[in-house]
Amino acid sequence: MLAHPVVNVTLEDEADGTVTGVTTAVTQRTITGSGRVLGVMFRPAGFRPLLGRPMTTITDRVLRLTEVLGSDVATMAHAA
């Protein structure tokens, strides 16, 4: 994937969601098997109010959604 100045939030079957901060390098991910994924792409300024801290704290990082938005978000994600 080419670097794009966005924050990605992804929810996968049977997995906790992830938040991928703005990346500054080219990355690669191999997807295999079957299942479903929901992804939401935020412009950095659009994600900043949810993060509650400077965007640089998640640049080039992949975090669990619960680390960023709290444990209640995991309950909501699995209920949907």
C-alpha atoms as a PDB file:
ATOM      1  CA  MET A   1       0.000   0.000   0.000  1.00  0.00           C
ATOM      2  CA  LEU A   2       1.246   3.472  -0.715  1.00  0.00           C
ATOM      3  CA  ALA A   3       1.370   5.915   2.135  1.00  0.00           C
ATOM      4  CA  HIS A   4      -1.751   8.063   2.342  1.00  0.00           C
ATOM      5  CA  PRO A   5      -2.270  10.713   5.050  1.00  0.00           C
ATOM      6  CA  VAL A   6      -5.268   9.094   6.747  1.00  0.00           C
ATOM      7  CA  VAL A   7      -6.131   7.128   9.877  1.00  0.00           C
ATOM      8  CA  ASN A   8      -7.728   3.738   9.197  1.00  0.00           C
ATOM      9  CA  VAL A   9     -10.078   2.004  11.611  1.00  0.00           C
ATOM     10  CA  THR A  10     -10.762  -1.635  10.735  1.00  0.00           C
ATOM     11  CA  LEU A  11     -13.102  -4.228  12.220  1.00  0.00           C
ATOM     12  CA  GLU A  12     -12.663  -7.877  11.264  1.00  0.00           C
ATOM     13  CA  ASP A  13     -14.685 -11.009  12.050  1.00  0.00           C
ATOM     14  CA  GLU A  14     -13.804 -12.411  15.460  1.00  0.00           C
ATOM     15  CA  ALA A  15     -11.054  -9.865  16.083  1.00  0.00           C
ATOM     16  CA  ASP A  16     -10.678  -6.625  17.972  1.00  0.00           C
ATOM     17  CA  GLY A  17     -10.647  -3.588  15.758  1.00  0.00           C
ATOM     18  CA  THR A  18      -7.471  -1.732  14.953  1.00  0.00           C
ATOM     19  CA  VAL A  19      -6.482   1.882  14.466  1.00  0.00           C
ATOM     20  CA  THR A  20      -3.693   2.474  11.992  1.00  0.00           C
ATOM     21  CA  GLY A  21      -2.157   5.916  12.295  1.00  0.00           C
ATOM     22  CA  VAL A  22      -0.839   7.953   9.400  1.00  0.00           C
ATOM     23  CA  THR A  23       1.972   6.004   7.762  1.00  0.00           C
ATOM     24  CA  THR A  24       5.143   7.536   6.413  1.00  0.00           C
ATOM     25  CA  ALA A  25       6.364   4.500   4.498  1.00  0.00           C
ATOM     26  CA  VAL A  26       5.101   1.941   2.021  1.00  0.00           C
ATOM     27  CA  THR A  27       3.536  -1.074   3.770  1.00  0.00           C
ATOM     28  CA  GLN A  28       2.370  -4.499   2.678  1.00  0.00           C
ATOM     29  CA  ARG A  29      -0.251  -6.856   4.075  1.00  0.00           C
ATOM     30  CA  THR A  30      -1.207 -10.234   2.648  1.00  0.00           C
ATOM     31  CA  ILE A  31      -4.861 -11.135   3.074  1.00  0.00           C
ATOM     32  CA  THR A  32      -5.813 -14.814   2.893  1.00  0.00           C
ATOM     33  CA  GLY A  33      -8.835 -16.966   3.635  1.00  0.00           C
ATOM     34  CA  SER A  34     -12.367 -15.669   3.852  1.00  0.00           C
ATOM     35  CA  GLY A  35     -14.297 -13.363   6.107  1.00  0.00           C
ATOM     36  CA  ARG A  36     -15.465  -9.792   6.344  1.00  0.00           C
ATOM     37  CA  VAL A  37     -13.727  -6.523   7.107  1.00  0.00           C
ATOM     38  CA  LEU A  38     -15.210  -3.088   7.646  1.00  0.00           C
ATOM     39  CA  GLY A  39     -12.861  -0.166   7.220  1.00  0.00           C
ATOM     40  CA  VAL A  40     -13.330   3.522   7.892  1.00  0.00           C
ATOM     41  CA  MET A  41     -10.818   6.062   6.600  1.00  0.00           C
ATOM     42  CA  PHE A  42     -10.493   9.314   8.566  1.00  0.00           C
ATOM     43  CA  ARG A  43      -8.604  12.395   7.579  1.00  0.00           C
ATOM     44  CA  PRO A  44      -6.191  13.086  10.444  1.00  0.00           C
ATOM     45  CA  ALA A  45      -8.042  16.231  11.533  1.00  0.00           C
ATOM     46  CA  GLY A  46     -11.280  14.222  11.600  1.00  0.00           C
ATOM     47  CA  PHE A  47      -9.838  11.566  13.908  1.00  0.00           C
ATOM     48  CA  ARG A  48      -8.082  13.984  16.282  1.00  0.00           C
ATOM     49  CA  PRO A  49     -11.209  14.685  18.427  1.00  0.00           C
ATOM     50  CA  LEU A  50     -11.691  10.931  18.961  1.00  0.00           C
ATOM     51  CA  LEU A  51      -8.036  10.409  19.823  1.00  0.00           C
ATOM     52  CA  GLY A  52      -7.849  13.207  22.379  1.00  0.00           C
ATOM     53  CA  ARG A  53      -4.110  13.691  21.975  1.00  0.00           C
ATOM     54  CA  PRO A  54      -1.694  14.749  19.208  1.00  0.00           C
ATOM     55  CA  MET A  55      -1.867  12.677  16.026  1.00  0.00           C
ATOM     56  CA  THR A  56       1.913  12.208  16.144  1.00  0.00           C
ATOM     57  CA  THR A  57       1.382   9.765  19.032  1.00  0.00           C
ATOM     58  CA  ILE A  58      -0.074   7.204  16.586  1.00  0.00           C
ATOM     59  CA  THR A  59       1.947   8.001  13.445  1.00  0.00           C
ATOM     60  CA  ASP A  60       3.385   4.776  11.991  1.00  0.00           C
ATOM     61  CA  ARG A  61       1.621   2.714  14.675  1.00  0.00           C
ATOM     62  CA  VAL A  62      -1.123   0.090  14.694  1.00  0.00           C
ATOM     63  CA  LEU A  63      -3.097  -0.023  17.931  1.00  0.00           C
ATOM     64  CA  ARG A  64      -6.046  -1.999  19.216  1.00  0.00           C
ATOM     65  CA  LEU A  65      -9.249  -0.017  18.884  1.00  0.00           C
ATOM     66  CA  THR A  66      -9.877  -0.424  22.619  1.00  0.00           C
ATOM     67  CA  GLU A  67      -6.510   1.202  23.416  1.00  0.00           C
ATOM     68  CA  VAL A  68      -7.577   4.295  21.536  1.00  0.00           C
ATOM     69  CA  LEU A  69     -11.342   4.526  22.119  1.00  0.00           C
ATOM     70  CA  GLY A  70     -11.866   2.470  25.288  1.00  0.00           C
ATOM     71  CA  SER A  71     -13.389  -0.921  26.059  1.00  0.00           C
ATOM     72  CA  ASP A  72     -17.009   0.080  25.315  1.00  0.00           C
ATOM     73  CA  VAL A  73     -16.242   0.355  21.612  1.00  0.00           C
ATOM     74  CA  ALA A  74     -15.386  -3.363  21.393  1.00  0.00           C
ATOM     75  CA  THR A  75     -18.774  -4.256  22.844  1.00  0.00           C
ATOM     76  CA  MET A  76     -20.520  -2.062  20.277  1.00  0.00           C
ATOM     77  CA  ALA A  77     -18.462  -3.487  17.402  1.00  0.00           C
ATOM     78  CA  HIS A  78     -19.280  -7.097  18.238  1.00  0.00           C
ATOM     79  CA  ALA A  79     -22.976  -6.328  18.763  1.00  0.00           C
ATOM     80  CA  ALA A  80     -23.331  -5.020  15.201  1.00  0.00           C
END
